[in-house]
Structures are given as C-alpha cells and as structure tokens.
C-alpha atoms as a PDB file:
ATOM      1  CA  UNK A   1     117.038 167.184 137.789  1.00  0.00           C
ATOM      2  CA  UNK A   2     113.401 167.936 137.353  1.00  0.00           C
ATOM      3  CA  UNK A   3     111.571 167.528 134.042  1.00  0.00           C
ATOM      4  CA  UNK A   4     110.955 171.254 134.090  1.00  0.00           C
ATOM      5  CA  UNK A   5     114.586 171.874 134.437  1.00  0.00           C
ATOM      6  CA  UNK A   6     115.409 169.357 131.496  1.00  0.00           C
ATOM      7  CA  UNK A   7     112.660 171.390 129.530  1.00  0.00           C
ATOM      8  CA  UNK A   8     114.166 174.729 130.241  1.00  0.00           C
ATOM      9  CA  UNK A   9     117.808 173.468 129.382  1.00  0.00           C
ATOM     10  CA  UNK A  10     116.740 172.028 125.994  1.00  0.00           C
ATOM     11  CA  UNK A  11     114.575 175.022 125.362  1.00  0.00           C
ATOM     12  CA  UNK A  12     117.761 177.332 125.968  1.00  0.00           C
ATOM     13  CA  UNK A  13     119.863 175.392 124.003  1.00  0.00           C
ATOM     14  CA  UNK A  14     117.519 175.107 121.289  1.00  0.00           C
ATOM     15  CA  UNK A  15     117.122 178.931 120.902  1.00  0.00           C
ATOM     16  CA  UNK A  16     120.834 179.159 120.886  1.00  0.00           C
ATOM     17  CA  UNK A  17     121.236 176.590 118.247  1.00  0.00           C
ATOM     18  CA  UNK A  18     118.542 178.561 115.894  1.00  0.00           C
ATOM     19  CA  UNK A  19     120.186 181.942 116.708  1.00  0.00           C
ATOM     20  CA  UNK A  20     123.691 180.936 116.058  1.00  0.00           C
ATOM     21  CA  UNK A  21     122.695 178.889 112.674  1.00  0.00           C
ATOM     22  CA  UNK A  22     120.899 182.041 111.394  1.00  0.00           C
ATOM     23  CA  UNK A  23     123.977 184.123 112.417  1.00  0.00           C
ATOM     24  CA  UNK A  24     126.437 181.930 110.441  1.00  0.00           C
ATOM     25  CA  UNK A  25     124.197 180.979 107.531  1.00  0.00           C
ATOM     26  CA  UNK A  26     123.717 184.824 106.910  1.00  0.00           C
ATOM     27  CA  UNK A  27     127.401 185.652 107.114  1.00  0.00           C
ATOM     28  CA  UNK A  28     128.125 183.024 104.629  1.00  0.00           C
ATOM     29  CA  UNK A  29     125.225 183.657 102.204  1.00  0.00           C
ATOM     30  CA  UNK A  30     125.897 187.121 102.280  1.00  0.00           C
ATOM     31  CA  UNK A  31     129.799 186.838 101.824  1.00  0.00           C
ATOM     32  CA  UNK A  32     129.920 183.985  99.159  1.00  0.00           C
ATOM     33  CA  UNK A  33     128.377 184.623  95.858  1.00  0.00           C
ATOM     34  CA  UNK A  34     126.725 181.594  94.417  1.00  0.00           C
ATOM     35  CA  UNK A  35     125.987 179.661  97.953  1.00  0.00           C
ATOM     36  CA  UNK A  36     122.921 177.523  97.983  1.00  0.00           C
ATOM     37  CA  UNK A  37     120.919 178.877 100.611  1.00  0.00           C
ATOM     38  CA  UNK A  38     119.130 175.412 101.386  1.00  0.00           C
ATOM     39  CA  UNK A  39     122.690 173.823 101.669  1.00  0.00           C
ATOM     40  CA  UNK A  40     124.034 176.369 103.876  1.00  0.00           C
ATOM     41  CA  UNK A  41     121.161 176.101 105.980  1.00  0.00           C
ATOM     42  CA  UNK A  42     121.097 172.315 106.529  1.00  0.00           C
ATOM     43  CA  UNK A  43     124.757 172.087 106.935  1.00  0.00           C
ATOM     44  CA  UNK A  44     125.002 174.765 109.428  1.00  0.00           C
ATOM     45  CA  UNK A  45     122.038 173.606 111.303  1.00  0.00           C
ATOM     46  CA  UNK A  46     123.462 169.980 111.626  1.00  0.00           C
ATOM     47  CA  UNK A  47     127.047 171.489 112.674  1.00  0.00           C
ATOM     48  CA  UNK A  48     125.391 173.654 115.344  1.00  0.00           C
ATOM     49  CA  UNK A  49     123.213 171.147 116.995  1.00  0.00           C
ATOM     50  CA  UNK A  50     125.845 168.625 116.943  1.00  0.00           C
ATOM     51  CA  UNK A  51     128.172 170.963 118.462  1.00  0.00           C
ATOM     52  CA  UNK A  52     125.639 171.784 120.983  1.00  0.00           C
ATOM     53  CA  UNK A  53     124.578 168.445 121.704  1.00  0.00           C
ATOM     54  CA  UNK A  54     128.240 167.680 122.868  1.00  0.00           C
ATOM     55  CA  UNK A  55     128.513 170.859 125.011  1.00  0.00           C
ATOM     56  CA  UNK A  56     125.136 169.738 126.503  1.00  0.00           C
ATOM     57  CA  UNK A  57     126.777 166.436 127.397  1.00  0.00           C
ATOM     58  CA  UNK A  58     129.516 167.859 129.007  1.00  0.00           C
ATOM     59  CA  UNK A  59     127.723 170.408 130.960  1.00  0.00           C
ATOM     60  CA  UNK A  60     125.182 167.728 132.388  1.00  0.00           C
ATOM     61  CA  UNK A  61     127.510 165.036 132.832  1.00  0.00           C
ATOM     62  CA  UNK A  62     126.893 164.741 136.455  1.00  0.00           C
ATOM     63  CA  UNK A  63     123.630 163.021 135.406  1.00  0.00           C
ATOM     64  CA  UNK A  64     124.465 160.949 132.492  1.00  0.00           C
ATOM     65  CA  UNK A  65     120.698 159.898 131.935  1.00  0.00           C
ATOM     66  CA  UNK A  66     119.643 163.289 131.889  1.00  0.00           C
ATOM     67  CA  UNK A  67     122.712 164.241 129.493  1.00  0.00           C
ATOM     68  CA  UNK A  68     121.680 161.398 126.971  1.00  0.00           C
ATOM     69  CA  UNK A  69     118.254 162.644 126.771  1.00  0.00           C
ATOM     70  CA  UNK A  70     119.100 166.234 126.131  1.00  0.00           C
ATOM     71  CA  UNK A  71     121.779 165.428 123.996  1.00  0.00           C
ATOM     72  CA  UNK A  72     119.696 163.309 121.697  1.00  0.00           C
ATOM     73  CA  UNK A  73     116.947 165.958 121.967  1.00  0.00           C
ATOM     74  CA  UNK A  74     119.421 168.361 120.480  1.00  0.00           C
ATOM     75  CA  UNK A  75     120.825 166.283 117.755  1.00  0.00           C
ATOM     76  CA  UNK A  76     117.105 165.746 116.381  1.00  0.00           C
ATOM     77  CA  UNK A  77     116.745 169.917 116.126  1.00  0.00           C
ATOM     78  CA  UNK A  78     117.496 169.690 112.014  1.00  0.00           C
ATOM     79  CA  UNK A  79     114.753 167.456 111.983  1.00  0.00           C
ATOM     80  CA  UNK A  80     112.473 168.822 113.973  1.00  0.00           C
ATOM     81  CA  UNK A  81     113.004 172.067 112.274  1.00  0.00           C
ATOM     82  CA  UNK A  82     112.448 170.465 108.991  1.00  0.00           C
ATOM     83  CA  UNK A  83     109.115 169.084 110.471  1.00  0.00           C
ATOM     84  CA  UNK A  84     107.996 172.474 111.630  1.00  0.00           C
ATOM     85  CA  UNK A  85     108.602 174.001 107.991  1.00  0.00           C
ATOM     86  CA  UNK A  86     106.845 170.947 106.231  1.00  0.00           C
ATOM     87  CA  UNK A  87     103.994 171.363 108.419  1.00  0.00           C
ATOM     88  CA  UNK A  88     103.630 175.140 107.718  1.00  0.00           C
ATOM     89  CA  UNK A  89     103.662 174.135 104.081  1.00  0.00           C
ATOM     90  CA  UNK A  90     101.099 171.621 104.297  1.00  0.00           C
ATOM     91  CA  UNK A  91      98.723 173.743 106.196  1.00  0.00           C
ATOM     92  CA  UNK A  92      99.129 176.696 103.723  1.00  0.00           C
ATOM     93  CA  UNK A  93      98.795 174.422 100.618  1.00  0.00           C
ATOM     94  CA  UNK A  94      96.592 171.801 101.832  1.00  0.00           C
ATOM     95  CA  UNK A  95      98.782 169.296 100.161  1.00  0.00           C
ATOM     96  CA  UNK A  96      99.534 166.478 102.288  1.00  0.00           C
ATOM     97  CA  UNK A  97     101.822 165.049  99.615  1.00  0.00           C
ATOM     98  CA  UNK A  98     104.412 167.630 100.695  1.00  0.00           C
ATOM     99  CA  UNK A  99     105.336 165.203 103.649  1.00  0.00           C
ATOM    100  CA  UNK A 100     105.820 162.418 101.379  1.00  0.00           C
ATOM    101  CA  UNK A 101     108.159 164.449  99.137  1.00  0.00           C
ATOM    102  CA  UNK A 102     110.302 165.387 102.236  1.00  0.00           C
ATOM    103  CA  UNK A 103     111.594 161.799 102.957  1.00  0.00           C
ATOM    104  CA  UNK A 104     114.726 162.450 100.683  1.00  0.00           C
ATOM    105  CA  UNK A 105     115.571 165.590 103.040  1.00  0.00           C
ATOM    106  CA  UNK A 106     115.462 163.363 105.983  1.00  0.00           C
ATOM    107  CA  UNK A 107     117.918 161.143 104.450  1.00  0.00           C
ATOM    108  CA  UNK A 108     120.104 163.964 103.524  1.00  0.00           C
ATOM    109  CA  UNK A 109     119.977 165.641 106.907  1.00  0.00           C
ATOM    110  CA  UNK A 110     120.479 162.336 108.604  1.00  0.00           C
ATOM    111  CA  UNK A 111     123.804 161.925 106.587  1.00  0.00           C
ATOM    112  CA  UNK A 112     125.029 165.599 107.508  1.00  0.00           C
ATOM    113  CA  UNK A 113     124.218 164.686 111.130  1.00  0.00           C
ATOM    114  CA  UNK A 114     126.310 161.443 110.864  1.00  0.00           C
ATOM    115  CA  UNK A 115     129.173 163.345 109.296  1.00  0.00           C
ATOM    116  CA  UNK A 116     129.313 166.043 111.873  1.00  0.00           C
ATOM    117  CA  UNK A 117     128.721 163.368 114.873  1.00  0.00           C
ATOM    118  CA  UNK A 118     131.899 161.833 113.704  1.00  0.00           C
ATOM    119  CA  UNK A 119     133.941 164.909 113.675  1.00  0.00           C
ATOM    120  CA  UNK A 120     132.710 166.060 117.031  1.00  0.00           C
ATOM    121  CA  UNK A 121     132.366 162.933 119.102  1.00  0.00           C
ATOM    122  CA  UNK A 122     130.485 162.482 122.212  1.00  0.00           C
ATOM    123  CA  UNK A 123     131.984 163.397 125.504  1.00  0.00           C
ATOM    124  CA  UNK A 124     134.291 165.923 124.181  1.00  0.00           C
ATOM    125  CA  UNK A 125     133.681 169.765 124.485  1.00  0.00           C
ATOM    126  CA  UNK A 126     134.340 171.213 120.995  1.00  0.00           C
ATOM    127  CA  UNK A 127     136.603 174.074 121.853  1.00  0.00           C
ATOM    128  CA  UNK A 128     138.293 176.701 119.854  1.00  0.00           C
ATOM    129  CA  UNK A 129     141.057 174.365 118.152  1.00  0.00           C
ATOM    130  CA  UNK A 130     138.150 171.875 117.365  1.00  0.00           C
ATOM    131  CA  UNK A 131     135.892 174.503 116.069  1.00  0.00           C
ATOM    132  CA  UNK A 132     138.470 175.829 114.028  1.00  0.00           C
ATOM    133  CA  UNK A 133     139.490 172.618 112.188  1.00  0.00           C
ATOM    134  CA  UNK A 134     135.653 170.998 111.964  1.00  0.00           C
ATOM    135  CA  UNK A 135     134.304 174.656 110.899  1.00  0.00           C
ATOM    136  CA  UNK A 136     136.892 174.534 108.240  1.00  0.00           C
ATOM    137  CA  UNK A 137     135.323 171.394 106.956  1.00  0.00           C
ATOM    138  CA  UNK A 138     131.882 173.151 107.430  1.00  0.00           C
ATOM    139  CA  UNK A 139     132.952 176.082 105.055  1.00  0.00           C
ATOM    140  CA  UNK A 140     134.348 173.576 102.550  1.00  0.00           C
ATOM    141  CA  UNK A 141     130.816 171.823 102.256  1.00  0.00           C
ATOM    142  CA  UNK A 142     128.796 174.956 102.038  1.00  0.00           C
ATOM    143  CA  UNK A 143     131.014 176.829  99.667  1.00  0.00           C
ATOM    144  CA  UNK A 144     130.436 176.593  95.793  1.00  0.00           C
ATOM    145  CA  UNK A 145     133.234 175.125  93.880  1.00  0.00           C
ATOM    146  CA  UNK A 146     136.002 177.312  92.372  1.00  0.00           C
ATOM    147  CA  UNK A 147     136.026 180.010  94.647  1.00  0.00           C
ATOM    148  CA  UNK A 148     139.869 181.867  94.877  1.00  0.00           C
ATOM    149  CA  UNK A 149     140.289 181.508  98.451  1.00  0.00           C
ATOM    150  CA  UNK A 150     140.513 178.369 100.779  1.00  0.00           C
ATOM    151  CA  UNK A 151     137.963 177.564 103.345  1.00  0.00           C
ATOM    152  CA  UNK A 152     140.452 178.319 106.020  1.00  0.00           C
ATOM    153  CA  UNK A 153     140.716 181.951 104.770  1.00  0.00           C
ATOM    154  CA  UNK A 154     137.078 182.704 104.183  1.00  0.00           C
ATOM    155  CA  UNK A 155     136.453 181.152 107.944  1.00  0.00           C
ATOM    156  CA  UNK A 156     138.960 183.577 109.408  1.00  0.00           C
ATOM    157  CA  UNK A 157     137.737 186.429 107.492  1.00  0.00           C
ATOM    158  CA  UNK A 158     134.237 185.976 108.577  1.00  0.00           C
ATOM    159  CA  UNK A 159     135.093 185.266 112.163  1.00  0.00           C
ATOM    160  CA  UNK A 160     132.515 182.499 112.392  1.00  0.00           C
ATOM    161  CA  UNK A 161     134.202 180.445 115.219  1.00  0.00           C
ATOM    162  CA  UNK A 162     133.720 183.037 118.062  1.00  0.00           C
ATOM    163  CA  UNK A 163     129.946 182.941 117.854  1.00  0.00           C
ATOM    164  CA  UNK A 164     129.406 179.404 117.792  1.00  0.00           C
ATOM    165  CA  UNK A 165     132.202 178.909 120.707  1.00  0.00           C
ATOM    166  CA  UNK A 166     130.428 181.593 122.734  1.00  0.00           C
ATOM    167  CA  UNK A 167     127.144 179.624 122.321  1.00  0.00           C
ATOM    168  CA  UNK A 168     128.718 176.431 123.376  1.00  0.00           C
ATOM    169  CA  UNK A 169     130.195 177.911 126.243  1.00  0.00           C
ATOM    170  CA  UNK A 170     126.854 179.179 127.372  1.00  0.00           C
ATOM    171  CA  UNK A 171     124.996 175.743 126.884  1.00  0.00           C
ATOM    172  CA  UNK A 172     128.098 174.374 128.936  1.00  0.00           C
ATOM    173  CA  UNK A 173     127.444 176.834 131.884  1.00  0.00           C
ATOM    174  CA  UNK A 174     123.701 176.305 131.605  1.00  0.00           C
ATOM    175  CA  UNK A 175     124.258 172.933 132.219  1.00  0.00           C
ATOM    176  CA  UNK A 176     126.193 173.057 134.927  1.00  0.00           C
ATOM    177  CA  UNK A 177     124.125 175.562 136.667  1.00  0.00           C
ATOM    178  CA  UNK A 178     122.217 173.886 139.583  1.00  0.00           C
END
C-alpha cells in the first residue's frame, strides 16, 4: 500500500469519524435536557474513533503494519481534534497559556480512549450486537443522572447504532478496496 493510499484511507476514515460524531452528539444534545455538551462531544469522539480504528484494523488486515499505523492514527483523532481547537484558541487570544491549561483535557481524553479500547478490543469488527452493548455504556456516560428512562431505551429511541454501524462498514469496505 502506498503512502498516498494510506493518507487517503486515514483521511476518509477521519472525515467519517467527525461526521458521525457530530450526528450522534447532536442527537443526544437535542433530546436529553441537561446533557453536558463537552462531555457528550468527548465521549462520542472517543467512542467513534475507537470503533473506527477497529474497523480499519480488520479492513486493512492484509497488511498488518499498515493496519497498525492507520489504527493508531485513528485512535488519536480526539487528541488531534483537541490540538486543532486549542491552536485556534491560542491564535485568537494570543495566549500561549491555553495549551498549558489543556493538559487536564488530554488526561481526560486518555481515560475515555482507554475505556472504549477495553470495550472494543483490537482485531474485532464492532458489529451491530457489540455496538448495541457498547453504545448503551456510552449513552449512560453521556446522560445526566436521574433521567426517567434507561440508557438502553434512549439509545433505541434515538436509533443511534445504525449511523455508526454504517460508518464502520464503509471504513471496512474502503480498507479492503485495492
């Protein structure tokens, strides 16, 4: 696989990560009163990037070295996205101290990524059953306490498994494409 093809693959998958994250986060924020937008965004981005990394690993399995590189890059999307946001804040304000204050954000993102990495292990494509189970956990993590319905009910009502599954199938197919 050429460097050009690797770049196209990671770009394709990253566009999908950002699109699906935006879709899922918007659905949660518009339907759950009191949901914390930063928490929803971070949790969702970590879930989607981890699931995408796993789909990439399977789609590129014919070349394990390439699969490892692409999977690692996709796991790092939440950190790259945060770097982009911090860079914009620094340029707008001229305050370099913003990047120093962001260290706690990186630690928080690392914990979230580790959580989803445990629940979505490498070398396994997260199919519909697995996504249902793991997205129930995600829904519980992004929901404020005291809601009248269980995360399972909210997840089903919002029909959020399907958009993520479609994205993962696209990434899988794109990886297998020669």
